[in-house]
Amino acid sequence: MKLHKIILLSAISASGKSTYAADLALKHGYRICCADAIRERLSNISDQSNNSEIFNRIMPEQISLWIWAGYTVVVDITSPDKKTRKKFVEIAQRLDVKIESHYIMPDLERCKLWNEKRDRKLPEFVLDRQLQKWLTPSIDEGFSKVIEYKPIDRGGVAILAKDGVTNAIKKQNIKDV
């Protein structure tokens, strides 16, 4: 039985996904496949006409390589709807590994506050649009497990609460490898 898996983080932007992904990577040695890091790399390519095609190939290839190498992969991408998440469920099925959904319950006002503290701020209408598309992940999408986290802000420290238990997660300077 394979012990590695894919953990798909689902939440709107500025909700704490990247911080949570970094925390998982530090605690468990997982690998992060981060959409923002890939976009950042692609923005440095002079010919950007094929960015979406490249982007749609890079994430699945990166996930596959790490799974084949025996790692659990944390996918850090805004995945507010079933259509977006289906792509990753299909990758897990092809690789014959389990996929879990860890989602951060949307809190638009908190995300807007946290967005103001980010280096790469998004316009508020982007967060509004992501919330409009939001659909809570469920087992029937093909996930082996669905775990809900709720964002809490205590003195400027991002905290995610699961089942009433809170764990402080520190901002880490980890980039997708």
N, C-alpha and C. Protein backbone atom coordinates (compact mmCIF):
# COMPACT_ATOMS: atom_id res chain seq x y z
N MET A 1 0.83 -1.19 0.00
CA MET A 1 0.00 0.00 0.00
C MET A 1 0.88 1.25 0.00
N LYS A 2 0.54 2.19 -0.87
CA LYS A 2 1.29 3.43 -0.96
C LYS A 2 0.87 4.38 0.16
N LEU A 3 1.84 4.94 0.85
CA LEU A 3 1.53 5.85 1.93
C LEU A 3 1.50 7.31 1.48
N HIS A 4 2.10 7.60 0.32
CA HIS A 4 2.09 8.97 -0.15
C HIS A 4 0.74 9.26 -0.80
N LYS A 5 0.43 10.54 -0.89
CA LYS A 5 -0.87 10.98 -1.38
C LYS A 5 -0.76 12.40 -1.90
N ILE A 6 -1.86 12.89 -2.40
CA ILE A 6 -1.97 14.28 -2.82
C ILE A 6 -2.91 14.96 -1.83
N ILE A 7 -2.51 16.13 -1.36
CA ILE A 7 -3.37 16.95 -0.51
C ILE A 7 -3.67 18.21 -1.30
N LEU A 8 -4.92 18.37 -1.69
CA LEU A 8 -5.34 19.54 -2.46
C LEU A 8 -5.89 20.58 -1.50
N LEU A 9 -5.23 21.74 -1.46
CA LEU A 9 -5.71 22.83 -0.63
C LEU A 9 -6.73 23.64 -1.42
N SER A 10 -7.87 23.86 -0.83
CA SER A 10 -8.92 24.62 -1.48
C SER A 10 -9.30 25.80 -0.61
N ALA A 11 -9.26 26.97 -1.19
CA ALA A 11 -9.64 28.19 -0.49
C ALA A 11 -9.52 29.35 -1.46
N ILE A 12 -10.13 30.47 -1.10
CA ILE A 12 -9.94 31.65 -1.93
C ILE A 12 -8.57 32.25 -1.59
N SER A 13 -8.12 33.16 -2.40
CA SER A 13 -6.81 33.78 -2.20
C SER A 13 -6.76 34.53 -0.87
N ALA A 14 -5.54 34.62 -0.32
CA ALA A 14 -5.27 35.34 0.93
C ALA A 14 -5.95 34.71 2.14
N SER A 15 -6.16 33.40 2.07
CA SER A 15 -6.85 32.70 3.17
C SER A 15 -5.88 31.93 4.06
N GLY A 16 -4.63 31.80 3.66
CA GLY A 16 -3.65 31.07 4.44
C GLY A 16 -3.20 29.76 3.82
N LYS A 17 -3.56 29.50 2.56
CA LYS A 17 -3.20 28.24 1.89
C LYS A 17 -1.69 28.03 1.84
N SER A 18 -0.97 29.03 1.38
CA SER A 18 0.49 28.87 1.22
C SER A 18 1.17 28.71 2.57
N THR A 19 0.69 29.40 3.57
CA THR A 19 1.25 29.26 4.92
C THR A 19 1.00 27.85 5.44
N TYR A 20 -0.21 27.35 5.23
CA TYR A 20 -0.56 25.99 5.66
C TYR A 20 0.28 24.96 4.88
N ALA A 21 0.45 25.17 3.58
CA ALA A 21 1.27 24.25 2.77
C ALA A 21 2.70 24.21 3.29
N ALA A 22 3.26 25.37 3.60
CA ALA A 22 4.63 25.44 4.13
C ALA A 22 4.72 24.73 5.47
N ASP A 23 3.70 24.87 6.30
CA ASP A 23 3.68 24.20 7.60
C ASP A 23 3.67 22.68 7.42
N LEU A 24 2.86 22.17 6.51
CA LEU A 24 2.83 20.73 6.23
C LEU A 24 4.18 20.24 5.71
N ALA A 25 4.78 21.03 4.82
CA ALA A 25 6.07 20.63 4.25
C ALA A 25 7.15 20.56 5.33
N LEU A 26 7.17 21.53 6.22
CA LEU A 26 8.17 21.55 7.28
C LEU A 26 7.96 20.42 8.28
N LYS A 27 6.73 20.18 8.66
CA LYS A 27 6.44 19.18 9.68
C LYS A 27 6.59 17.74 9.17
N HIS A 28 6.25 17.51 7.89
CA HIS A 28 6.16 16.14 7.40
C HIS A 28 7.08 15.81 6.22
N GLY A 29 7.81 16.79 5.71
CA GLY A 29 8.68 16.54 4.57
C GLY A 29 7.93 16.42 3.25
N TYR A 30 6.70 16.94 3.19
CA TYR A 30 5.93 16.91 1.96
C TYR A 30 6.52 17.88 0.95
N ARG A 31 6.17 17.71 -0.30
CA ARG A 31 6.58 18.62 -1.36
C ARG A 31 5.39 19.50 -1.72
N ILE A 32 5.67 20.73 -2.11
CA ILE A 32 4.62 21.69 -2.46
C ILE A 32 4.64 21.93 -3.96
N CYS A 33 3.50 21.82 -4.57
CA CYS A 33 3.32 22.21 -5.97
C CYS A 33 2.42 23.44 -5.93
N CYS A 34 3.03 24.60 -6.13
CA CYS A 34 2.37 25.88 -5.91
C CYS A 34 2.09 26.60 -7.23
N ALA A 35 0.83 26.87 -7.49
CA ALA A 35 0.44 27.55 -8.72
C ALA A 35 1.08 28.93 -8.83
N ASP A 36 1.12 29.68 -7.73
CA ASP A 36 1.72 31.02 -7.78
C ASP A 36 3.20 30.97 -8.13
N ALA A 37 3.92 29.99 -7.58
CA ALA A 37 5.35 29.86 -7.89
C ALA A 37 5.56 29.54 -9.37
N ILE A 38 4.69 28.70 -9.91
CA ILE A 38 4.81 28.37 -11.34
C ILE A 38 4.49 29.59 -12.19
N ARG A 39 3.43 30.31 -11.83
CA ARG A 39 3.10 31.54 -12.57
C ARG A 39 4.26 32.53 -12.52
N GLU A 40 4.88 32.66 -11.36
CA GLU A 40 6.01 33.57 -11.21
C GLU A 40 7.16 33.18 -12.14
N ARG A 41 7.45 31.89 -12.20
CA ARG A 41 8.51 31.42 -13.10
C ARG A 41 8.15 31.68 -14.55
N LEU A 42 6.90 31.42 -14.91
CA LEU A 42 6.48 31.61 -16.30
C LEU A 42 6.49 33.08 -16.70
N SER A 43 6.28 33.97 -15.75
CA SER A 43 6.27 35.40 -16.08
C SER A 43 7.65 35.88 -16.51
N ASN A 44 8.68 35.11 -16.20
CA ASN A 44 10.04 35.48 -16.61
C ASN A 44 10.39 34.99 -18.00
N ILE A 45 9.50 34.23 -18.63
CA ILE A 45 9.73 33.74 -19.98
C ILE A 45 9.33 34.85 -20.96
N SER A 46 10.20 35.14 -21.91
CA SER A 46 9.92 36.25 -22.83
C SER A 46 8.71 35.99 -23.71
N ASP A 47 8.54 34.77 -24.23
CA ASP A 47 7.38 34.44 -25.04
C ASP A 47 6.33 33.80 -24.14
N GLN A 48 5.33 34.60 -23.76
CA GLN A 48 4.31 34.12 -22.83
C GLN A 48 3.05 33.63 -23.54
N SER A 49 3.10 33.47 -24.85
CA SER A 49 1.90 33.08 -25.59
C SER A 49 1.40 31.69 -25.21
N ASN A 50 2.29 30.81 -24.73
CA ASN A 50 1.89 29.45 -24.37
C ASN A 50 1.83 29.22 -22.86
N ASN A 51 1.76 30.29 -22.07
CA ASN A 51 1.79 30.13 -20.62
C ASN A 51 0.70 29.21 -20.09
N SER A 52 -0.52 29.34 -20.58
CA SER A 52 -1.60 28.50 -20.03
C SER A 52 -1.36 27.04 -20.38
N GLU A 53 -0.90 26.76 -21.59
CA GLU A 53 -0.60 25.38 -21.97
C GLU A 53 0.54 24.81 -21.12
N ILE A 54 1.59 25.60 -20.96
CA ILE A 54 2.72 25.16 -20.14
C ILE A 54 2.26 24.95 -18.70
N PHE A 55 1.51 25.91 -18.19
CA PHE A 55 1.02 25.83 -16.80
C PHE A 55 0.18 24.57 -16.59
N ASN A 56 -0.67 24.25 -17.54
CA ASN A 56 -1.53 23.06 -17.40
C ASN A 56 -0.75 21.76 -17.48
N ARG A 57 0.45 21.79 -18.03
CA ARG A 57 1.30 20.59 -18.07
C ARG A 57 2.25 20.52 -16.88
N ILE A 58 2.74 21.69 -16.44
CA ILE A 58 3.77 21.70 -15.40
C ILE A 58 3.26 21.13 -14.08
N MET A 59 2.10 21.55 -13.63
CA MET A 59 1.60 21.06 -12.34
C MET A 59 1.40 19.54 -12.35
N PRO A 60 0.70 18.99 -13.33
CA PRO A 60 0.55 17.53 -13.33
C PRO A 60 1.88 16.80 -13.41
N GLU A 61 2.83 17.31 -14.19
CA GLU A 61 4.14 16.66 -14.30
C GLU A 61 4.89 16.72 -12.97
N GLN A 62 4.85 17.88 -12.32
CA GLN A 62 5.55 18.04 -11.04
C GLN A 62 4.95 17.12 -9.98
N ILE A 63 3.63 17.07 -9.92
CA ILE A 63 2.95 16.19 -8.96
C ILE A 63 3.34 14.74 -9.24
N SER A 64 3.30 14.33 -10.49
CA SER A 64 3.63 12.95 -10.85
C SER A 64 5.06 12.59 -10.46
N LEU A 65 6.01 13.48 -10.74
CA LEU A 65 7.41 13.20 -10.41
C LEU A 65 7.60 12.99 -8.91
N TRP A 66 6.98 13.84 -8.11
CA TRP A 66 7.14 13.70 -6.66
C TRP A 66 6.43 12.47 -6.11
N ILE A 67 5.27 12.15 -6.65
CA ILE A 67 4.57 10.93 -6.22
C ILE A 67 5.42 9.71 -6.58
N TRP A 68 5.93 9.66 -7.81
CA TRP A 68 6.77 8.53 -8.23
C TRP A 68 8.03 8.42 -7.38
N ALA A 69 8.50 9.56 -6.86
CA ALA A 69 9.70 9.56 -5.99
C ALA A 69 9.34 9.19 -4.55
N GLY A 70 8.06 8.99 -4.27
CA GLY A 70 7.64 8.55 -2.95
C GLY A 70 7.23 9.64 -1.98
N TYR A 71 6.97 10.84 -2.48
CA TYR A 71 6.58 11.95 -1.61
C TYR A 71 5.07 12.17 -1.61
N THR A 72 4.57 12.72 -0.53
CA THR A 72 3.23 13.29 -0.50
C THR A 72 3.35 14.69 -1.06
N VAL A 73 2.40 15.09 -1.88
CA VAL A 73 2.44 16.39 -2.54
C VAL A 73 1.26 17.24 -2.06
N VAL A 74 1.58 18.45 -1.63
CA VAL A 74 0.57 19.43 -1.25
C VAL A 74 0.39 20.37 -2.44
N VAL A 75 -0.82 20.42 -2.96
CA VAL A 75 -1.11 21.27 -4.11
C VAL A 75 -1.72 22.57 -3.60
N ASP A 76 -0.97 23.64 -3.81
CA ASP A 76 -1.36 24.97 -3.34
C ASP A 76 -1.89 25.76 -4.53
N ILE A 77 -3.21 25.74 -4.68
CA ILE A 77 -3.86 26.43 -5.79
C ILE A 77 -5.26 26.82 -5.36
N THR A 78 -5.72 27.97 -5.84
CA THR A 78 -7.10 28.35 -5.58
C THR A 78 -7.97 27.39 -6.37
N SER A 79 -8.76 26.60 -5.68
CA SER A 79 -9.62 25.62 -6.36
C SER A 79 -11.03 25.71 -5.77
N PRO A 80 -11.75 26.77 -6.15
CA PRO A 80 -13.03 27.03 -5.52
C PRO A 80 -14.20 26.18 -6.02
N ASP A 81 -14.01 25.48 -7.15
CA ASP A 81 -15.14 24.76 -7.73
C ASP A 81 -14.77 23.33 -8.11
N LYS A 82 -15.79 22.53 -8.38
CA LYS A 82 -15.58 21.11 -8.72
C LYS A 82 -14.76 20.94 -9.99
N LYS A 83 -14.99 21.79 -10.97
CA LYS A 83 -14.28 21.67 -12.25
C LYS A 83 -12.77 21.79 -12.05
N THR A 84 -12.35 22.76 -11.26
CA THR A 84 -10.92 22.95 -11.00
C THR A 84 -10.36 21.76 -10.23
N ARG A 85 -11.09 21.30 -9.20
CA ARG A 85 -10.60 20.20 -8.36
C ARG A 85 -10.58 18.88 -9.11
N LYS A 86 -11.47 18.70 -10.07
CA LYS A 86 -11.55 17.44 -10.82
C LYS A 86 -10.23 17.09 -11.51
N LYS A 87 -9.54 18.10 -12.00
CA LYS A 87 -8.25 17.89 -12.66
C LYS A 87 -7.28 17.14 -11.73
N PHE A 88 -7.27 17.52 -10.46
CA PHE A 88 -6.34 16.91 -9.50
C PHE A 88 -6.81 15.55 -9.02
N VAL A 89 -8.12 15.37 -8.94
CA VAL A 89 -8.67 14.05 -8.61
C VAL A 89 -8.29 13.06 -9.71
N GLU A 90 -8.37 13.49 -10.95
CA GLU A 90 -8.00 12.63 -12.08
C GLU A 90 -6.51 12.29 -12.06
N ILE A 91 -5.68 13.25 -11.69
CA ILE A 91 -4.24 12.99 -11.57
C ILE A 91 -4.00 11.91 -10.51
N ALA A 92 -4.66 12.03 -9.36
CA ALA A 92 -4.52 11.04 -8.29
C ALA A 92 -4.97 9.66 -8.76
N GLN A 93 -6.07 9.61 -9.50
CA GLN A 93 -6.56 8.32 -10.00
C GLN A 93 -5.56 7.70 -10.96
N ARG A 94 -4.99 8.51 -11.86
CA ARG A 94 -3.99 7.99 -12.80
C ARG A 94 -2.76 7.46 -12.09
N LEU A 95 -2.38 8.13 -10.99
CA LEU A 95 -1.19 7.73 -10.24
C LEU A 95 -1.49 6.66 -9.19
N ASP A 96 -2.77 6.32 -9.04
CA ASP A 96 -3.20 5.30 -8.08
C ASP A 96 -2.82 5.68 -6.65
N VAL A 97 -3.08 6.94 -6.29
CA VAL A 97 -2.86 7.41 -4.92
C VAL A 97 -4.13 8.10 -4.42
N LYS A 98 -4.24 8.19 -3.11
CA LYS A 98 -5.37 8.89 -2.52
C LYS A 98 -5.17 10.39 -2.66
N ILE A 99 -6.30 11.08 -2.67
CA ILE A 99 -6.26 12.54 -2.67
C ILE A 99 -7.20 13.03 -1.57
N GLU A 100 -6.67 13.93 -0.74
CA GLU A 100 -7.46 14.54 0.32
C GLU A 100 -7.72 15.99 -0.05
N SER A 101 -8.86 16.50 0.40
CA SER A 101 -9.14 17.92 0.28
C SER A 101 -9.03 18.54 1.66
N HIS A 102 -8.13 19.49 1.79
CA HIS A 102 -8.05 20.30 3.00
C HIS A 102 -8.51 21.69 2.56
N TYR A 103 -9.64 22.11 3.09
CA TYR A 103 -10.12 23.41 2.64
C TYR A 103 -10.25 24.38 3.80
N ILE A 104 -10.03 25.64 3.47
CA ILE A 104 -10.14 26.72 4.44
C ILE A 104 -11.46 27.43 4.14
N MET A 105 -12.36 27.37 5.11
CA MET A 105 -13.67 27.96 4.93
C MET A 105 -13.53 29.44 4.58
N PRO A 106 -14.17 29.89 3.50
CA PRO A 106 -14.01 31.28 3.08
C PRO A 106 -14.53 32.27 4.13
N ASP A 107 -13.74 33.27 4.40
CA ASP A 107 -14.11 34.39 5.25
C ASP A 107 -13.61 35.62 4.50
N LEU A 108 -14.49 36.20 3.69
CA LEU A 108 -14.09 37.25 2.75
C LEU A 108 -13.46 38.45 3.45
N GLU A 109 -14.05 38.90 4.53
CA GLU A 109 -13.51 40.09 5.20
C GLU A 109 -12.10 39.82 5.74
N ARG A 110 -11.89 38.65 6.33
CA ARG A 110 -10.55 38.30 6.84
C ARG A 110 -9.56 38.18 5.68
N CYS A 111 -9.98 37.56 4.59
CA CYS A 111 -9.09 37.44 3.42
C CYS A 111 -8.71 38.81 2.88
N LYS A 112 -9.65 39.74 2.88
CA LYS A 112 -9.34 41.09 2.41
C LYS A 112 -8.33 41.76 3.33
N LEU A 113 -8.46 41.56 4.63
CA LEU A 113 -7.48 42.11 5.58
C LEU A 113 -6.11 41.48 5.37
N TRP A 114 -6.08 40.15 5.25
CA TRP A 114 -4.81 39.44 5.06
C TRP A 114 -4.19 39.80 3.71
N ASN A 115 -5.04 40.04 2.70
CA ASN A 115 -4.56 40.43 1.38
C ASN A 115 -3.77 41.74 1.45
N GLU A 116 -4.19 42.66 2.30
CA GLU A 116 -3.49 43.94 2.44
C GLU A 116 -2.07 43.76 2.99
N LYS A 117 -1.83 42.65 3.68
CA LYS A 117 -0.51 42.39 4.27
C LYS A 117 0.41 41.61 3.33
N ARG A 118 -0.12 41.17 2.18
CA ARG A 118 0.66 40.35 1.25
C ARG A 118 1.57 41.22 0.39
N ASP A 119 2.65 40.60 -0.09
CA ASP A 119 3.52 41.28 -1.04
C ASP A 119 2.80 41.45 -2.38
N ARG A 120 2.11 40.41 -2.79
CA ARG A 120 1.40 40.43 -4.08
C ARG A 120 -0.10 40.56 -3.80
N LYS A 121 -0.53 41.81 -3.66
CA LYS A 121 -1.94 42.07 -3.34
C LYS A 121 -2.81 41.86 -4.58
N LEU A 122 -3.98 41.32 -4.34
CA LEU A 122 -4.95 41.14 -5.41
C LEU A 122 -6.03 42.21 -5.31
N PRO A 123 -6.60 42.63 -6.43
CA PRO A 123 -7.74 43.55 -6.35
C PRO A 123 -8.90 42.87 -5.62
N GLU A 124 -9.66 43.64 -4.85
CA GLU A 124 -10.75 43.06 -4.07
C GLU A 124 -11.77 42.33 -4.94
N PHE A 125 -11.99 42.80 -6.17
CA PHE A 125 -12.99 42.14 -7.01
C PHE A 125 -12.59 40.70 -7.33
N VAL A 126 -11.28 40.41 -7.32
CA VAL A 126 -10.82 39.03 -7.56
C VAL A 126 -11.27 38.13 -6.40
N LEU A 127 -11.10 38.60 -5.18
CA LEU A 127 -11.55 37.83 -4.02
C LEU A 127 -13.07 37.66 -4.04
N ASP A 128 -13.79 38.73 -4.41
CA ASP A 128 -15.25 38.66 -4.50
C ASP A 128 -15.67 37.60 -5.53
N ARG A 129 -15.00 37.60 -6.68
CA ARG A 129 -15.33 36.64 -7.74
C ARG A 129 -15.01 35.20 -7.31
N GLN A 130 -13.88 35.02 -6.61
CA GLN A 130 -13.55 33.68 -6.12
C GLN A 130 -14.60 33.18 -5.14
N LEU A 131 -15.07 34.05 -4.27
CA LEU A 131 -16.09 33.65 -3.30
C LEU A 131 -17.40 33.28 -4.00
N GLN A 132 -17.74 34.00 -5.05
CA GLN A 132 -18.96 33.69 -5.81
C GLN A 132 -18.89 32.29 -6.43
N LYS A 133 -17.68 31.88 -6.83
CA LYS A 133 -17.49 30.56 -7.44
C LYS A 133 -17.34 29.44 -6.40
N TRP A 134 -17.15 29.80 -5.12
CA TRP A 134 -16.82 28.83 -4.08
C TRP A 134 -17.91 27.77 -3.92
N LEU A 135 -17.48 26.54 -3.89
CA LEU A 135 -18.33 25.40 -3.57
C LEU A 135 -17.52 24.50 -2.66
N THR A 136 -18.04 24.20 -1.49
CA THR A 136 -17.31 23.39 -0.51
C THR A 136 -17.00 22.01 -1.08
N PRO A 137 -15.75 21.56 -0.98
CA PRO A 137 -15.38 20.23 -1.47
C PRO A 137 -16.14 19.13 -0.72
N SER A 138 -16.36 18.00 -1.41
CA SER A 138 -17.06 16.89 -0.78
C SER A 138 -16.45 15.56 -1.22
N ILE A 139 -16.71 14.54 -0.43
CA ILE A 139 -16.22 13.18 -0.72
C ILE A 139 -16.67 12.71 -2.09
N ASP A 140 -17.88 13.07 -2.50
CA ASP A 140 -18.40 12.57 -3.78
C ASP A 140 -17.63 13.07 -4.99
N GLU A 141 -16.69 14.01 -4.79
CA GLU A 141 -15.83 14.47 -5.89
C GLU A 141 -14.69 13.50 -6.14
N GLY A 142 -14.50 12.53 -5.23
CA GLY A 142 -13.42 11.55 -5.39
C GLY A 142 -12.34 11.65 -4.33
N PHE A 143 -12.54 12.50 -3.34
CA PHE A 143 -11.55 12.64 -2.27
C PHE A 143 -11.68 11.49 -1.27
N SER A 144 -10.55 11.05 -0.73
CA SER A 144 -10.58 10.00 0.30
C SER A 144 -10.93 10.60 1.66
N LYS A 145 -10.68 11.90 1.80
CA LYS A 145 -10.94 12.60 3.06
C LYS A 145 -11.13 14.07 2.74
N VAL A 146 -12.03 14.73 3.48
CA VAL A 146 -12.23 16.17 3.34
C VAL A 146 -12.13 16.77 4.74
N ILE A 147 -11.21 17.72 4.89
CA ILE A 147 -10.97 18.33 6.20
C ILE A 147 -11.19 19.84 6.08
N GLU A 148 -12.01 20.38 6.99
CA GLU A 148 -12.30 21.81 7.00
C GLU A 148 -11.44 22.52 8.05
N TYR A 149 -10.90 23.66 7.66
CA TYR A 149 -10.18 24.55 8.57
C TYR A 149 -10.88 25.90 8.54
N LYS A 150 -10.84 26.58 9.67
CA LYS A 150 -11.41 27.92 9.74
C LYS A 150 -10.30 28.90 10.08
N PRO A 151 -10.19 29.99 9.30
CA PRO A 151 -9.13 30.96 9.58
C PRO A 151 -9.45 31.81 10.80
N ILE A 152 -8.43 32.07 11.59
CA ILE A 152 -8.55 32.92 12.77
C ILE A 152 -7.33 33.83 12.76
N ASP A 153 -7.51 35.07 13.15
CA ASP A 153 -6.40 36.01 13.23
C ASP A 153 -6.24 36.41 14.68
N ARG A 154 -5.14 35.98 15.29
CA ARG A 154 -4.86 36.32 16.69
C ARG A 154 -3.60 37.16 16.75
N GLY A 155 -3.79 38.43 16.91
CA GLY A 155 -2.63 39.32 17.03
C GLY A 155 -1.75 39.32 15.79
N GLY A 156 -2.36 39.19 14.61
CA GLY A 156 -1.59 39.19 13.38
C GLY A 156 -0.98 37.86 13.02
N VAL A 157 -1.22 36.82 13.83
CA VAL A 157 -0.70 35.48 13.53
C VAL A 157 -1.82 34.69 12.87
N ALA A 158 -1.52 34.13 11.71
CA ALA A 158 -2.52 33.31 11.01
C ALA A 158 -2.68 32.00 11.74
N ILE A 159 -3.89 31.68 12.08
CA ILE A 159 -4.18 30.43 12.78
C ILE A 159 -5.31 29.73 12.03
N LEU A 160 -5.16 28.43 11.86
CA LEU A 160 -6.24 27.64 11.28
C LEU A 160 -6.77 26.71 12.34
N ALA A 161 -8.08 26.64 12.46
CA ALA A 161 -8.70 25.78 13.47
C ALA A 161 -9.37 24.60 12.79
N LYS A 162 -9.09 23.41 13.32
CA LYS A 162 -9.71 22.17 12.82
C LYS A 162 -10.38 21.49 14.00
N ASP A 163 -11.66 21.21 13.88
CA ASP A 163 -12.40 20.54 14.95
C ASP A 163 -12.23 21.23 16.29
N GLY A 164 -12.23 22.56 16.27
CA GLY A 164 -12.14 23.32 17.51
C GLY A 164 -10.75 23.44 18.09
N VAL A 165 -9.75 22.81 17.47
CA VAL A 165 -8.37 22.89 17.95
C VAL A 165 -7.62 23.87 17.07
N THR A 166 -6.91 24.80 17.70
CA THR A 166 -6.17 25.78 16.91
C THR A 166 -4.68 25.50 16.96
N ASN A 167 -4.04 25.73 15.85
CA ASN A 167 -2.59 25.58 15.74
C ASN A 167 -2.04 26.80 15.03
N ALA A 168 -1.12 27.50 15.66
CA ALA A 168 -0.49 28.65 15.01
C ALA A 168 0.40 28.14 13.89
N ILE A 169 0.32 28.77 12.75
CA ILE A 169 1.20 28.43 11.64
C ILE A 169 1.98 29.68 11.29
N LYS A 170 3.29 29.56 11.32
CA LYS A 170 4.15 30.71 11.09
C LYS A 170 4.41 30.89 9.61
N LYS A 171 4.51 32.12 9.20
CA LYS A 171 4.83 32.43 7.81
C LYS A 171 6.23 31.91 7.52
N GLN A 172 6.37 31.05 6.54
CA GLN A 172 7.67 30.49 6.17
C GLN A 172 8.06 31.01 4.80
N ASN A 173 9.33 31.06 4.56
CA ASN A 173 9.83 31.52 3.28
C ASN A 173 10.19 30.30 2.43
N ILE A 174 9.19 29.48 2.13
CA ILE A 174 9.42 28.27 1.35
C ILE A 174 8.85 28.46 -0.04
N LYS A 175 9.62 28.11 -1.01
CA LYS A 175 9.17 28.18 -2.41
C LYS A 175 9.06 26.77 -2.94
N ASP A 176 8.20 26.63 -3.92
CA ASP A 176 8.08 25.37 -4.63
C ASP A 176 9.44 25.06 -5.25
N VAL A 177 9.91 23.82 -5.12
CA VAL A 177 11.25 23.44 -5.60
C VAL A 177 11.22 23.25 -7.10
